[in-house]
């Protein structure tokens, strides 16, 4: 399996691990300890601690970016982009995504927000460069 596909798999796994660890487990514990009813988590109402709400947003960020990344990587696999630059760019997305999520969950401070933004810029830059490589492949 190519590096880009491994990175895509890692991104998908991270998205679900983040949800389970930072949203699912706290919800289950609150229910099991009698601190909340199963229906106490309506999507259209603010609930939970600040960290819990940041976890929800970090997970949503993953969900929003996963289809974009998947599209780029899967097109690369379909058209046979074997370019080393494509593989390494795709591989760079995963640690940037994990780092962005961890910063998001751990703190809402200005420093954490700026660091989180830097990790997002790395991902976004990689997405544009991957797209550029795909376009170049298509023009051959």
Protein backbone atom coordinates (compact mmCIF):
# COMPACT_ATOMS: atom_id res chain seq x y z
CA UNK A 1 0.00 0.00 0.00
CA UNK A 2 1.33 3.47 -0.87
CA UNK A 3 2.28 6.10 1.71
CA UNK A 4 -0.63 8.26 0.60
CA UNK A 5 -3.13 5.44 1.21
CA UNK A 6 -1.58 4.71 4.60
CA UNK A 7 -1.94 8.37 5.49
CA UNK A 8 -5.58 8.34 4.38
CA UNK A 9 -6.23 5.27 6.51
CA UNK A 10 -4.53 6.98 9.46
CA UNK A 11 -6.64 10.10 8.98
CA UNK A 12 -9.85 8.04 9.00
CA UNK A 13 -8.77 6.07 12.08
CA UNK A 14 -7.70 9.27 13.87
CA UNK A 15 -11.08 10.88 13.16
CA UNK A 16 -12.86 8.02 14.92
CA UNK A 17 -10.34 7.62 17.74
CA UNK A 18 -10.66 11.32 18.50
CA UNK A 19 -14.43 11.02 18.66
CA UNK A 20 -14.39 7.93 20.86
CA UNK A 21 -11.72 9.20 23.27
CA UNK A 22 -12.85 12.80 23.67
CA UNK A 23 -16.61 12.64 23.08
CA UNK A 24 -17.84 9.06 23.32
CA UNK A 25 -16.06 8.03 26.52
CA UNK A 26 -17.01 11.21 28.44
CA UNK A 27 -20.64 10.79 27.36
CA UNK A 28 -20.73 7.13 28.35
CA UNK A 29 -19.12 7.89 31.72
CA UNK A 30 -21.61 10.68 32.42
CA UNK A 31 -24.49 8.34 31.61
CA UNK A 32 -23.03 5.41 33.57
CA UNK A 33 -22.36 7.61 36.62
CA UNK A 34 -25.88 9.03 36.52
CA UNK A 35 -24.68 12.57 35.78
CA UNK A 36 -26.53 12.67 32.45
CA UNK A 37 -29.36 10.95 30.66
CA UNK A 38 -28.74 9.36 27.26
CA UNK A 39 -30.83 12.17 25.74
CA UNK A 40 -28.79 14.91 27.44
CA UNK A 41 -26.59 15.60 24.41
CA UNK A 42 -28.74 17.40 21.82
CA UNK A 43 -26.74 18.49 18.78
CA UNK A 44 -28.46 21.87 18.53
CA UNK A 45 -27.68 22.97 22.11
CA UNK A 46 -24.43 23.90 23.81
CA UNK A 47 -23.55 21.41 26.52
CA UNK A 48 -20.47 20.06 28.28
CA UNK A 49 -17.25 21.69 29.39
CA UNK A 50 -15.18 24.00 27.22
CA UNK A 51 -12.76 21.13 26.52
CA UNK A 52 -15.65 18.87 25.53
CA UNK A 53 -16.93 21.52 23.11
CA UNK A 54 -13.43 21.95 21.65
CA UNK A 55 -13.31 18.16 21.21
CA UNK A 56 -16.56 18.29 19.29
CA UNK A 57 -15.17 21.00 17.01
CA UNK A 58 -11.86 19.16 16.56
CA UNK A 59 -13.76 16.06 15.50
CA UNK A 60 -15.91 18.10 13.13
CA UNK A 61 -12.75 19.61 11.62
CA UNK A 62 -11.55 16.08 10.88
CA UNK A 63 -14.90 15.12 9.37
CA UNK A 64 -14.87 18.24 7.17
CA UNK A 65 -11.36 17.66 5.85
CA UNK A 66 -11.39 13.88 5.47
CA UNK A 67 -13.43 13.91 2.21
CA UNK A 68 -11.10 16.48 0.64
CA UNK A 69 -8.03 14.47 1.57
CA UNK A 70 -9.66 11.20 0.53
CA UNK A 71 -10.57 12.67 -2.86
CA UNK A 72 -7.01 13.78 -3.52
CA UNK A 73 -5.41 10.52 -2.38
CA UNK A 74 -7.92 8.28 -4.15
CA UNK A 75 -7.62 10.19 -7.43
CA UNK A 76 -3.86 9.86 -7.07
CA UNK A 77 -4.24 6.11 -6.60
CA UNK A 78 -6.69 5.81 -9.51
CA UNK A 79 -4.52 7.66 -12.00
CA UNK A 80 -1.36 6.02 -10.70
CA UNK A 81 0.52 9.01 -9.36
CA UNK A 82 3.66 7.34 -8.07
CA UNK A 83 5.53 10.62 -7.68
CA UNK A 84 7.55 10.64 -4.46
CA UNK A 85 6.52 14.24 -3.77
CA UNK A 86 2.84 13.22 -3.90
CA UNK A 87 3.41 10.39 -1.44
CA UNK A 88 5.39 12.49 1.03
CA UNK A 89 2.97 15.41 0.85
CA UNK A 90 0.10 13.06 1.60
CA UNK A 91 2.04 11.52 4.44
CA UNK A 92 2.72 14.98 5.92
CA UNK A 93 -1.02 15.60 6.27
CA UNK A 94 -1.54 13.00 9.00
CA UNK A 95 0.85 14.34 11.66
CA UNK A 96 -0.34 17.87 10.91
CA UNK A 97 -3.97 16.77 11.38
CA UNK A 98 -3.23 14.89 14.61
CA UNK A 99 -1.23 17.85 15.95
CA UNK A 100 -4.01 20.28 15.05
CA UNK A 101 -6.60 18.12 16.82
CA UNK A 102 -4.48 17.71 19.94
CA UNK A 103 -3.87 21.47 20.15
CA UNK A 104 -7.58 22.09 19.66
CA UNK A 105 -8.62 19.71 22.43
CA UNK A 106 -5.98 20.70 24.97
CA UNK A 107 -6.32 24.47 24.96
CA UNK A 108 -8.25 27.44 23.70
CA UNK A 109 -5.44 29.88 24.50
CA UNK A 110 -4.18 32.31 21.87
CA UNK A 111 -0.91 30.39 21.57
CA UNK A 112 -2.74 27.09 21.04
CA UNK A 113 -5.06 28.66 18.47
CA UNK A 114 -2.09 30.05 16.53
CA UNK A 115 -0.26 26.73 16.68
CA UNK A 116 -3.41 24.91 15.60
CA UNK A 117 -3.73 27.32 12.68
CA UNK A 118 -0.12 26.61 11.63
CA UNK A 119 -0.89 22.90 11.53
CA UNK A 120 -3.98 23.62 9.45
CA UNK A 121 -1.96 25.75 7.02
CA UNK A 122 0.42 22.80 6.58
CA UNK A 123 -2.52 20.60 5.68
CA UNK A 124 -4.09 23.15 3.37
CA UNK A 125 -0.77 23.75 1.61
CA UNK A 126 -0.35 20.00 1.17
CA UNK A 127 -3.89 19.75 -0.25
CA UNK A 128 -3.17 22.46 -2.85
CA UNK A 129 0.19 20.93 -3.77
CA UNK A 130 -1.38 17.47 -4.07
CA UNK A 131 -4.07 18.93 -6.32
CA UNK A 132 -1.38 20.64 -8.39
CA UNK A 133 0.46 17.36 -8.83
CA UNK A 134 -2.78 15.68 -9.91
CA UNK A 135 -3.45 18.43 -12.43
CA UNK A 136 0.09 18.10 -13.77
CA UNK A 137 -0.44 14.34 -14.07
CA UNK A 138 -3.68 14.93 -15.94
CA UNK A 139 -2.02 17.31 -18.39
CA UNK A 140 0.62 14.75 -19.42
